[in-house]
Amino acid sequence: ASAVRLTLNGVSMEELVDLLYGIQSADKLVVLHEVTHLQPSKD
């Protein structure tokens, strides 16, 4: 399928949720397939 890897650095949990909500609410049938890495940033 059409797939995109999105790497985020230094984002808050609220920003991440807002981003995912914005992607999902667009009703374009985009699915979060995998979260390969989620941890506090090094800084």
All heavy atoms as atom14 arrays in JSON, in Angstrom:
{
  "sequence": "ASAVRLTLNGVSMEELVDLLYGIQSADKLVVLHEVTHLQPSKD",
  "atom14_mask": [
    [1, 1, 1, 1, 1, 0, 0, 0, 0, 0, 0, 0, 0, 0],
    [1, 1, 1, 1, 1, 1, 0, 0, 0, 0, 0, 0, 0, 0],
    [1, 1, 1, 1, 1, 0, 0, 0, 0, 0, 0, 0, 0, 0],
    [1, 1, 1, 1, 1, 1, 1, 0, 0, 0, 0, 0, 0, 0],
    [1, 1, 1, 1, 1, 1, 1, 1, 1, 1, 1, 0, 0, 0],
    [1, 1, 1, 1, 1, 1, 1, 1, 0, 0, 0, 0, 0, 0],
    [1, 1, 1, 1, 1, 1, 1, 0, 0, 0, 0, 0, 0, 0],
    [1, 1, 1, 1, 1, 1, 1, 1, 0, 0, 0, 0, 0, 0],
    [1, 1, 1, 1, 1, 1, 1, 1, 0, 0, 0, 0, 0, 0],
    [1, 1, 1, 1, 0, 0, 0, 0, 0, 0, 0, 0, 0, 0],
    [1, 1, 1, 1, 1, 1, 1, 0, 0, 0, 0, 0, 0, 0],
    [1, 1, 1, 1, 1, 1, 0, 0, 0, 0, 0, 0, 0, 0],
    [1, 1, 1, 1, 1, 1, 1, 1, 0, 0, 0, 0, 0, 0],
    [1, 1, 1, 1, 1, 1, 1, 1, 1, 0, 0, 0, 0, 0],
    [1, 1, 1, 1, 1, 1, 1, 1, 1, 0, 0, 0, 0, 0],
    [1, 1, 1, 1, 1, 1, 1, 1, 0, 0, 0, 0, 0, 0],
    [1, 1, 1, 1, 1, 1, 1, 0, 0, 0, 0, 0, 0, 0],
    [1, 1, 1, 1, 1, 1, 1, 1, 0, 0, 0, 0, 0, 0],
    [1, 1, 1, 1, 1, 1, 1, 1, 0, 0, 0, 0, 0, 0],
    [1, 1, 1, 1, 1, 1, 1, 1, 0, 0, 0, 0, 0, 0],
    [1, 1, 1, 1, 1, 1, 1, 1, 1, 1, 1, 1, 0, 0],
    [1, 1, 1, 1, 0, 0, 0, 0, 0, 0, 0, 0, 0, 0],
    [1, 1, 1, 1, 1, 1, 1, 1, 0, 0, 0, 0, 0, 0],
    [1, 1, 1, 1, 1, 1, 1, 1, 1, 0, 0, 0, 0, 0],
    [1, 1, 1, 1, 1, 1, 0, 0, 0, 0, 0, 0, 0, 0],
    [1, 1, 1, 1, 1, 0, 0, 0, 0, 0, 0, 0, 0, 0],
    [1, 1, 1, 1, 1, 1, 1, 1, 0, 0, 0, 0, 0, 0],
    [1, 1, 1, 1, 1, 1, 1, 1, 1, 0, 0, 0, 0, 0],
    [1, 1, 1, 1, 1, 1, 1, 1, 0, 0, 0, 0, 0, 0],
    [1, 1, 1, 1, 1, 1, 1, 0, 0, 0, 0, 0, 0, 0],
    [1, 1, 1, 1, 1, 1, 1, 0, 0, 0, 0, 0, 0, 0],
    [1, 1, 1, 1, 1, 1, 1, 1, 0, 0, 0, 0, 0, 0],
    [1, 1, 1, 1, 1, 1, 1, 1, 1, 1, 0, 0, 0, 0],
    [1, 1, 1, 1, 1, 1, 1, 1, 1, 0, 0, 0, 0, 0],
    [1, 1, 1, 1, 1, 1, 1, 0, 0, 0, 0, 0, 0, 0],
    [1, 1, 1, 1, 1, 1, 1, 0, 0, 0, 0, 0, 0, 0],
    [1, 1, 1, 1, 1, 1, 1, 1, 1, 1, 0, 0, 0, 0],
    [1, 1, 1, 1, 1, 1, 1, 1, 0, 0, 0, 0, 0, 0],
    [1, 1, 1, 1, 1, 1, 1, 1, 1, 0, 0, 0, 0, 0],
    [1, 1, 1, 1, 1, 1, 1, 0, 0, 0, 0, 0, 0, 0],
    [1, 1, 1, 1, 1, 1, 0, 0, 0, 0, 0, 0, 0, 0],
    [1, 1, 1, 1, 1, 1, 1, 1, 1, 0, 0, 0, 0, 0],
    [1, 1, 1, 1, 1, 1, 1, 1, 0, 0, 0, 0, 0, 0]
  ],
  "atom14_positions": [
    [[0.87, -1.18, 0.0], [0.0, 0.0, 0.0], [0.9, 1.23, 0.0], [2.12, 1.12, 0.13], [-0.9, -0.01, 1.23], [0.0, 0.0, 0.0], [0.0, 0.0, 0.0], [0.0, 0.0, 0.0], [0.0, 0.0, 0.0], [0.0, 0.0, 0.0], [0.0, 0.0, 0.0], [0.0, 0.0, 0.0], [0.0, 0.0, 0.0], [0.0, 0.0, 0.0]],
    [[0.3, 2.37, -0.12], [1.06, 3.61, -0.03], [1.43, 3.8, 1.43], [0.58, 3.76, 2.3], [0.2, 4.77, -0.54], [0.9, 5.97, -0.46], [0.0, 0.0, 0.0], [0.0, 0.0, 0.0], [0.0, 0.0, 0.0], [0.0, 0.0, 0.0], [0.0, 0.0, 0.0], [0.0, 0.0, 0.0], [0.0, 0.0, 0.0], [0.0, 0.0, 0.0]],
    [[2.73, 4.0, 1.71], [3.18, 4.09, 3.1], [4.22, 5.2, 3.25], [4.97, 5.5, 2.33], [3.78, 2.76, 3.55], [0.0, 0.0, 0.0], [0.0, 0.0, 0.0], [0.0, 0.0, 0.0], [0.0, 0.0, 0.0], [0.0, 0.0, 0.0], [0.0, 0.0, 0.0], [0.0, 0.0, 0.0], [0.0, 0.0, 0.0], [0.0, 0.0, 0.0]],
    [[4.22, 5.78, 4.46], [5.14, 6.86, 4.78], [5.69, 6.62, 6.18], [4.95, 6.23, 7.09], [4.41, 8.23, 4.73], [5.25, 9.33, 5.34], [4.01, 8.57, 3.33], [0.0, 0.0, 0.0], [0.0, 0.0, 0.0], [0.0, 0.0, 0.0], [0.0, 0.0, 0.0], [0.0, 0.0, 0.0], [0.0, 0.0, 0.0], [0.0, 0.0, 0.0]],
    [[6.99, 6.83, 6.35], [7.6, 6.77, 7.68], [7.73, 8.21, 8.17], [8.28, 9.07, 7.47], [8.97, 6.11, 7.63], [9.64, 6.01, 9.0], [10.93, 5.23, 8.97], [10.85, 3.97, 8.26], [10.36, 2.83, 8.77], [9.88, 2.82, 9.99], [10.34, 1.74, 8.04], [0.0, 0.0, 0.0], [0.0, 0.0, 0.0], [0.0, 0.0, 0.0]],
    [[7.22, 8.46, 9.37], [7.26, 9.79, 9.96], [8.1, 9.72, 11.23], [7.77, 8.99, 12.15], [5.84, 10.27, 10.29], [5.69, 11.6, 11.01], [6.26, 12.73, 10.16], [4.22, 11.86, 11.33], [0.0, 0.0, 0.0], [0.0, 0.0, 0.0], [0.0, 0.0, 0.0], [0.0, 0.0, 0.0], [0.0, 0.0, 0.0], [0.0, 0.0, 0.0]],
    [[9.21, 10.45, 11.22], [10.1, 10.49, 12.39], [9.95, 11.86, 13.02], [10.14, 12.88, 12.36], [11.55, 10.24, 11.96], [11.62, 9.0, 11.26], [12.47, 10.19, 13.16], [0.0, 0.0, 0.0], [0.0, 0.0, 0.0], [0.0, 0.0, 0.0], [0.0, 0.0, 0.0], [0.0, 0.0, 0.0], [0.0, 0.0, 0.0], [0.0, 0.0, 0.0]],
    [[9.6, 11.86, 14.31], [9.41, 13.12, 15.05], [10.43, 13.19, 16.18], [10.74, 12.17, 16.8], [7.99, 13.19, 15.62], [6.85, 13.1, 14.62], [5.53, 12.94, 15.33], [6.84, 14.34, 13.73], [0.0, 0.0, 0.0], [0.0, 0.0, 0.0], [0.0, 0.0, 0.0], [0.0, 0.0, 0.0], [0.0, 0.0, 0.0], [0.0, 0.0, 0.0]],
    [[10.91, 14.4, 16.45], [11.88, 14.58, 17.52], [11.51, 15.83, 18.3], [11.29, 16.89, 17.73], [13.29, 14.71, 16.95], [14.35, 14.62, 18.02], [14.06, 14.33, 19.18], [15.58, 14.9, 17.65], [0.0, 0.0, 0.0], [0.0, 0.0, 0.0], [0.0, 0.0, 0.0], [0.0, 0.0, 0.0], [0.0, 0.0, 0.0], [0.0, 0.0, 0.0]],
    [[11.46, 15.69, 19.63], [11.18, 16.83, 20.5], [9.74, 17.29, 20.46], [9.47, 18.49, 20.56], [0.0, 0.0, 0.0], [0.0, 0.0, 0.0], [0.0, 0.0, 0.0], [0.0, 0.0, 0.0], [0.0, 0.0, 0.0], [0.0, 0.0, 0.0], [0.0, 0.0, 0.0], [0.0, 0.0, 0.0], [0.0, 0.0, 0.0], [0.0, 0.0, 0.0]],
    [[8.81, 16.38, 20.32], [7.39, 16.75, 20.3], [6.76, 16.35, 21.63], [7.15, 15.37, 22.26], [6.63, 16.08, 19.14], [7.15, 16.55, 17.81], [6.67, 14.58, 19.23], [0.0, 0.0, 0.0], [0.0, 0.0, 0.0], [0.0, 0.0, 0.0], [0.0, 0.0, 0.0], [0.0, 0.0, 0.0], [0.0, 0.0, 0.0], [0.0, 0.0, 0.0]],
    [[5.77, 17.11, 22.04], [5.06, 16.77, 23.27], [4.0, 15.7, 22.95], [3.63, 15.5, 21.79], [4.4, 18.01, 23.87], [3.32, 18.43, 23.03], [0.0, 0.0, 0.0], [0.0, 0.0, 0.0], [0.0, 0.0, 0.0], [0.0, 0.0, 0.0], [0.0, 0.0, 0.0], [0.0, 0.0, 0.0], [0.0, 0.0, 0.0], [0.0, 0.0, 0.0]],
    [[3.51, 15.06, 23.97], [2.47, 14.06, 23.78], [1.22, 14.72, 23.2], [0.55, 14.15, 22.34], [2.15, 13.36, 25.11], [1.13, 12.26, 24.98], [1.65, 10.91, 23.9], [2.69, 10.0, 24.99], [0.0, 0.0, 0.0], [0.0, 0.0, 0.0], [0.0, 0.0, 0.0], [0.0, 0.0, 0.0], [0.0, 0.0, 0.0], [0.0, 0.0, 0.0]],
    [[0.93, 15.93, 23.63], [-0.25, 16.64, 23.11], [-0.1, 16.92, 21.61], [-1.04, 16.74, 20.84], [-0.43, 17.95, 23.88], [-1.69, 18.69, 23.5], [-1.88, 19.96, 24.31], [-1.4, 20.04, 25.46], [-2.51, 20.89, 23.78], [0.0, 0.0, 0.0], [0.0, 0.0, 0.0], [0.0, 0.0, 0.0], [0.0, 0.0, 0.0], [0.0, 0.0, 0.0]],
    [[1.1, 17.34, 21.21], [1.33, 17.6, 19.79], [1.21, 16.31, 18.97], [0.64, 16.32, 17.88], [2.73, 18.19, 19.58], [2.88, 19.6, 20.06], [4.31, 20.1, 19.94], [5.23, 19.34, 20.31], [4.49, 21.24, 19.48], [0.0, 0.0, 0.0], [0.0, 0.0, 0.0], [0.0, 0.0, 0.0], [0.0, 0.0, 0.0], [0.0, 0.0, 0.0]],
    [[1.74, 15.23, 19.5], [1.64, 13.94, 18.81], [0.18, 13.52, 18.64], [-0.24, 13.1, 17.57], [2.43, 12.87, 19.56], [2.39, 11.45, 18.98], [2.98, 11.43, 17.57], [3.13, 10.49, 19.88], [0.0, 0.0, 0.0], [0.0, 0.0, 0.0], [0.0, 0.0, 0.0], [0.0, 0.0, 0.0], [0.0, 0.0, 0.0], [0.0, 0.0, 0.0]],
    [[-0.59, 13.65, 19.71], [-2.01, 13.28, 19.64], [-2.75, 14.19, 18.66], [-3.57, 13.71, 17.87], [-2.65, 13.33, 21.05], [-4.16, 13.21, 20.98], [-2.07, 12.23, 21.93], [0.0, 0.0, 0.0], [0.0, 0.0, 0.0], [0.0, 0.0, 0.0], [0.0, 0.0, 0.0], [0.0, 0.0, 0.0], [0.0, 0.0, 0.0], [0.0, 0.0, 0.0]],
    [[-2.45, 15.5, 18.7], [-3.09, 16.42, 17.76], [-2.75, 16.06, 16.31], [-3.63, 16.1, 15.44], [-2.66, 17.86, 18.04], [-3.28, 18.43, 19.3], [-4.25, 17.83, 19.81], [-2.78, 19.47, 19.79], [0.0, 0.0, 0.0], [0.0, 0.0, 0.0], [0.0, 0.0, 0.0], [0.0, 0.0, 0.0], [0.0, 0.0, 0.0], [0.0, 0.0, 0.0]],
    [[-1.5, 15.71, 16.07], [-1.09, 15.32, 14.72], [-1.83, 14.06, 14.27], [-2.39, 14.02, 13.17], [0.42, 15.08, 14.66], [0.95, 14.52, 13.35], [0.74, 15.53, 12.22], [2.41, 14.14, 13.47], [0.0, 0.0, 0.0], [0.0, 0.0, 0.0], [0.0, 0.0, 0.0], [0.0, 0.0, 0.0], [0.0, 0.0, 0.0], [0.0, 0.0, 0.0]],
    [[-1.83, 13.05, 15.11], [-2.51, 11.81, 14.75], [-4.01, 12.02, 14.57], [-4.62, 11.46, 13.65], [-2.24, 10.72, 15.8], [-0.8, 10.23, 15.86], [-0.62, 9.26, 17.01], [-0.39, 9.59, 14.54], [0.0, 0.0, 0.0], [0.0, 0.0, 0.0], [0.0, 0.0, 0.0], [0.0, 0.0, 0.0], [0.0, 0.0, 0.0], [0.0, 0.0, 0.0]],
    [[-4.61, 12.85, 15.41], [-6.03, 13.16, 15.27], [-6.29, 13.88, 13.95], [-7.24, 13.57, 13.24], [-6.53, 14.01, 16.44], [-7.98, 14.35, 16.31], [-8.97, 13.41, 16.57], [-8.38, 15.62, 15.88], [-10.31, 13.71, 16.44], [-9.72, 15.93, 15.74], [-10.68, 14.98, 16.01], [-12.0, 15.29, 15.86], [0.0, 0.0, 0.0], [0.0, 0.0, 0.0]],
    [[-5.43, 14.81, 13.61], [-5.59, 15.54, 12.35], [-5.48, 14.63, 11.14], [-6.21, 14.78, 10.17], [0.0, 0.0, 0.0], [0.0, 0.0, 0.0], [0.0, 0.0, 0.0], [0.0, 0.0, 0.0], [0.0, 0.0, 0.0], [0.0, 0.0, 0.0], [0.0, 0.0, 0.0], [0.0, 0.0, 0.0], [0.0, 0.0, 0.0], [0.0, 0.0, 0.0]],
    [[-4.58, 13.66, 11.23], [-4.42, 12.71, 10.11], [-5.63, 11.81, 10.02], [-6.18, 11.59, 8.94], [-3.13, 11.88, 10.31], [-1.89, 12.78, 10.12], [-3.1, 10.72, 9.33], [-0.59, 12.12, 10.55], [0.0, 0.0, 0.0], [0.0, 0.0, 0.0], [0.0, 0.0, 0.0], [0.0, 0.0, 0.0], [0.0, 0.0, 0.0], [0.0, 0.0, 0.0]],
    [[-6.1, 11.3, 11.15], [-7.23, 10.37, 11.15], [-8.56, 11.06, 10.83], [-9.41, 10.48, 10.18], [-7.34, 9.67, 12.52], [-6.2, 8.74, 12.82], [-6.2, 7.51, 11.95], [-7.24, 6.94, 11.71], [-5.05, 7.13, 11.47], [0.0, 0.0, 0.0], [0.0, 0.0, 0.0], [0.0, 0.0, 0.0], [0.0, 0.0, 0.0], [0.0, 0.0, 0.0]],
    [[-8.75, 12.28, 11.32], [-10.04, 12.94, 11.15], [-10.26, 13.46, 9.74], [-11.36, 13.85, 9.39], [-10.19, 14.08, 12.15], [-9.24, 15.09, 11.88], [0.0, 0.0, 0.0], [0.0, 0.0, 0.0], [0.0, 0.0, 0.0], [0.0, 0.0, 0.0], [0.0, 0.0, 0.0], [0.0, 0.0, 0.0], [0.0, 0.0, 0.0], [0.0, 0.0, 0.0]],
    [[-9.23, 13.46, 8.93], [-9.37, 13.94, 7.56], [-10.21, 12.98, 6.72], [-10.58, 13.3, 5.6], [-8.0, 14.13, 6.92], [0.0, 0.0, 0.0], [0.0, 0.0, 0.0], [0.0, 0.0, 0.0], [0.0, 0.0, 0.0], [0.0, 0.0, 0.0], [0.0, 0.0, 0.0], [0.0, 0.0, 0.0], [0.0, 0.0, 0.0], [0.0, 0.0, 0.0]],
    [[-10.52, 11.8, 7.23], [-11.35, 10.8, 6.56], [-10.78, 10.42, 5.19], [-11.5, 10.27, 4.22], [-12.79, 11.32, 6.41], [-13.78, 10.18, 6.2], [-13.47, 9.04, 6.61], [-14.84, 10.42, 5.62], [0.0, 0.0, 0.0], [0.0, 0.0, 0.0], [0.0, 0.0, 0.0], [0.0, 0.0, 0.0], [0.0, 0.0, 0.0], [0.0, 0.0, 0.0]],
    [[-9.48, 10.29, 5.15], [-8.81, 9.88, 3.92], [-8.3, 8.45, 4.0], [-7.52, 8.03, 3.19], [-7.64, 10.82, 3.61], [-8.04, 12.25, 3.4], [-8.88, 12.43, 2.16], [-9.14, 13.9, 1.92], [-10.02, 14.16, 0.84], [0.0, 0.0, 0.0], [0.0, 0.0, 0.0], [0.0, 0.0, 0.0], [0.0, 0.0, 0.0], [0.0, 0.0, 0.0]],
    [[-8.71, 7.75, 5.02], [-8.39, 6.33, 5.19], [-6.88, 6.11, 5.38], [-6.26, 5.29, 4.74], [-8.9, 5.53, 3.99], [-9.08, 4.04, 4.19], [-10.12, 3.78, 5.25], [-9.46, 3.37, 2.92], [0.0, 0.0, 0.0], [0.0, 0.0, 0.0], [0.0, 0.0, 0.0], [0.0, 0.0, 0.0], [0.0, 0.0, 0.0], [0.0, 0.0, 0.0]],
    [[-6.31, 6.91, 6.27], [-4.91, 6.76, 6.64], [-4.87, 6.04, 7.97], [-5.58, 6.4, 8.91], [-4.2, 8.12, 6.74], [-2.76, 7.95, 7.18], [-4.28, 8.84, 5.4], [0.0, 0.0, 0.0], [0.0, 0.0, 0.0], [0.0, 0.0, 0.0], [0.0, 0.0, 0.0], [0.0, 0.0, 0.0], [0.0, 0.0, 0.0], [0.0, 0.0, 0.0]],
    [[-4.02, 5.01, 8.06], [-3.97, 4.18, 9.26], [-2.56, 4.22, 9.83], [-1.57, 4.12, 9.1], [-4.34, 2.72, 8.91], [-4.23, 1.82, 10.12], [-5.72, 2.65, 8.3], [0.0, 0.0, 0.0], [0.0, 0.0, 0.0], [0.0, 0.0, 0.0], [0.0, 0.0, 0.0], [0.0, 0.0, 0.0], [0.0, 0.0, 0.0], [0.0, 0.0, 0.0]],
    [[-2.5, 4.36, 11.16], [-1.22, 4.24, 11.85], [-0.9, 2.76, 11.89], [-1.51, 2.0, 12.62], [-1.29, 4.83, 13.26], [-0.04, 4.67, 14.11], [1.15, 5.37, 13.46], [-0.27, 5.19, 15.5], [0.0, 0.0, 0.0], [0.0, 0.0, 0.0], [0.0, 0.0, 0.0], [0.0, 0.0, 0.0], [0.0, 0.0, 0.0], [0.0, 0.0, 0.0]],
    [[0.04, 2.35, 11.09], [0.35, 0.93, 10.94], [1.31, 0.43, 12.01], [1.17, -0.67, 12.53], [0.94, 0.68, 9.55], [1.4, -0.72, 9.31], [0.54, -1.77, 9.26], [2.64, -1.23, 9.14], [1.22, -2.88, 9.05], [2.51, -2.58, 8.98], [0.0, 0.0, 0.0], [0.0, 0.0, 0.0], [0.0, 0.0, 0.0], [0.0, 0.0, 0.0]],
    [[2.28, 1.26, 12.35], [3.32, 0.78, 13.26], [3.98, 1.95, 13.97], [4.23, 2.99, 13.38], [4.35, 0.0, 12.43], [5.42, -0.66, 13.21], [6.36, -1.46, 12.3], [6.42, -1.19, 11.08], [7.05, -2.33, 12.84], [0.0, 0.0, 0.0], [0.0, 0.0, 0.0], [0.0, 0.0, 0.0], [0.0, 0.0, 0.0], [0.0, 0.0, 0.0]],
    [[4.26, 1.75, 15.25], [5.08, 2.68, 16.02], [6.35, 1.9, 16.34], [6.34, 1.02, 17.19], [4.38, 3.15, 17.31], [5.29, 4.08, 18.1], [3.06, 3.82, 17.0], [0.0, 0.0, 0.0], [0.0, 0.0, 0.0], [0.0, 0.0, 0.0], [0.0, 0.0, 0.0], [0.0, 0.0, 0.0], [0.0, 0.0, 0.0], [0.0, 0.0, 0.0]],
    [[7.43, 2.22, 15.64], [8.66, 1.43, 15.81], [9.55, 1.98, 16.92], [10.46, 1.29, 17.37], [9.47, 1.37, 14.51], [9.75, 2.69, 14.08], [8.7, 0.63, 13.43], [0.0, 0.0, 0.0], [0.0, 0.0, 0.0], [0.0, 0.0, 0.0], [0.0, 0.0, 0.0], [0.0, 0.0, 0.0], [0.0, 0.0, 0.0], [0.0, 0.0, 0.0]],
    [[9.27, 3.2, 17.32], [10.16, 3.84, 18.3], [9.36, 4.94, 18.99], [8.79, 5.8, 18.34], [11.36, 4.42, 17.54], [12.34, 5.16, 18.37], [13.23, 4.53, 19.19], [12.57, 6.49, 18.52], [13.99, 5.44, 19.79], [13.6, 6.63, 19.39], [0.0, 0.0, 0.0], [0.0, 0.0, 0.0], [0.0, 0.0, 0.0], [0.0, 0.0, 0.0]],
    [[9.32, 4.91, 20.32], [8.66, 5.97, 21.09], [9.34, 6.05, 22.44], [9.23, 5.12, 23.25], [7.16, 5.68, 21.25], [6.36, 6.7, 22.07], [6.39, 8.07, 21.4], [4.93, 6.23, 22.25], [0.0, 0.0, 0.0], [0.0, 0.0, 0.0], [0.0, 0.0, 0.0], [0.0, 0.0, 0.0], [0.0, 0.0, 0.0], [0.0, 0.0, 0.0]],
    [[10.07, 7.14, 22.66], [10.78, 7.31, 23.93], [11.07, 8.79, 24.13], [10.98, 9.59, 23.2], [12.08, 6.51, 23.93], [13.13, 7.0, 22.96], [14.36, 6.11, 22.97], [14.28, 4.94, 23.28], [15.5, 6.69, 22.62], [0.0, 0.0, 0.0], [0.0, 0.0, 0.0], [0.0, 0.0, 0.0], [0.0, 0.0, 0.0], [0.0, 0.0, 0.0]],
    [[11.46, 9.16, 25.35], [11.84, 10.56, 25.58], [13.07, 10.91, 24.72], [13.95, 10.09, 24.51], [12.2, 10.6, 27.07], [11.54, 9.41, 27.67], [11.47, 8.38, 26.58], [0.0, 0.0, 0.0], [0.0, 0.0, 0.0], [0.0, 0.0, 0.0], [0.0, 0.0, 0.0], [0.0, 0.0, 0.0], [0.0, 0.0, 0.0], [0.0, 0.0, 0.0]],
    [[13.09, 12.14, 24.25], [14.22, 12.55, 23.41], [15.48, 12.66, 24.26], [15.43, 12.83, 25.48], [13.91, 13.86, 22.7], [13.76, 14.89, 23.64], [0.0, 0.0, 0.0], [0.0, 0.0, 0.0], [0.0, 0.0, 0.0], [0.0, 0.0, 0.0], [0.0, 0.0, 0.0], [0.0, 0.0, 0.0], [0.0, 0.0, 0.0], [0.0, 0.0, 0.0]],
    [[16.62, 12.58, 23.62], [17.91, 12.6, 24.32], [18.18, 13.92, 25.02], [18.85, 13.96, 26.05], [19.02, 12.27, 23.32], [18.96, 10.84, 22.85], [20.05, 10.54, 21.83], [20.04, 9.1, 21.42], [19.11, 8.75, 20.41], [0.0, 0.0, 0.0], [0.0, 0.0, 0.0], [0.0, 0.0, 0.0], [0.0, 0.0, 0.0], [0.0, 0.0, 0.0]],
    [[17.65, 14.99, 24.47], [17.87, 16.29, 25.11], [16.84, 16.58, 26.2], [16.89, 17.64, 26.84], [17.89, 17.41, 24.07], [16.58, 17.54, 23.31], [15.6, 16.83, 23.65], [16.52, 18.35, 22.37], [0.0, 0.0, 0.0], [0.0, 0.0, 0.0], [0.0, 0.0, 0.0], [0.0, 0.0, 0.0], [0.0, 0.0, 0.0], [0.0, 0.0, 0.0]]
  ]
}
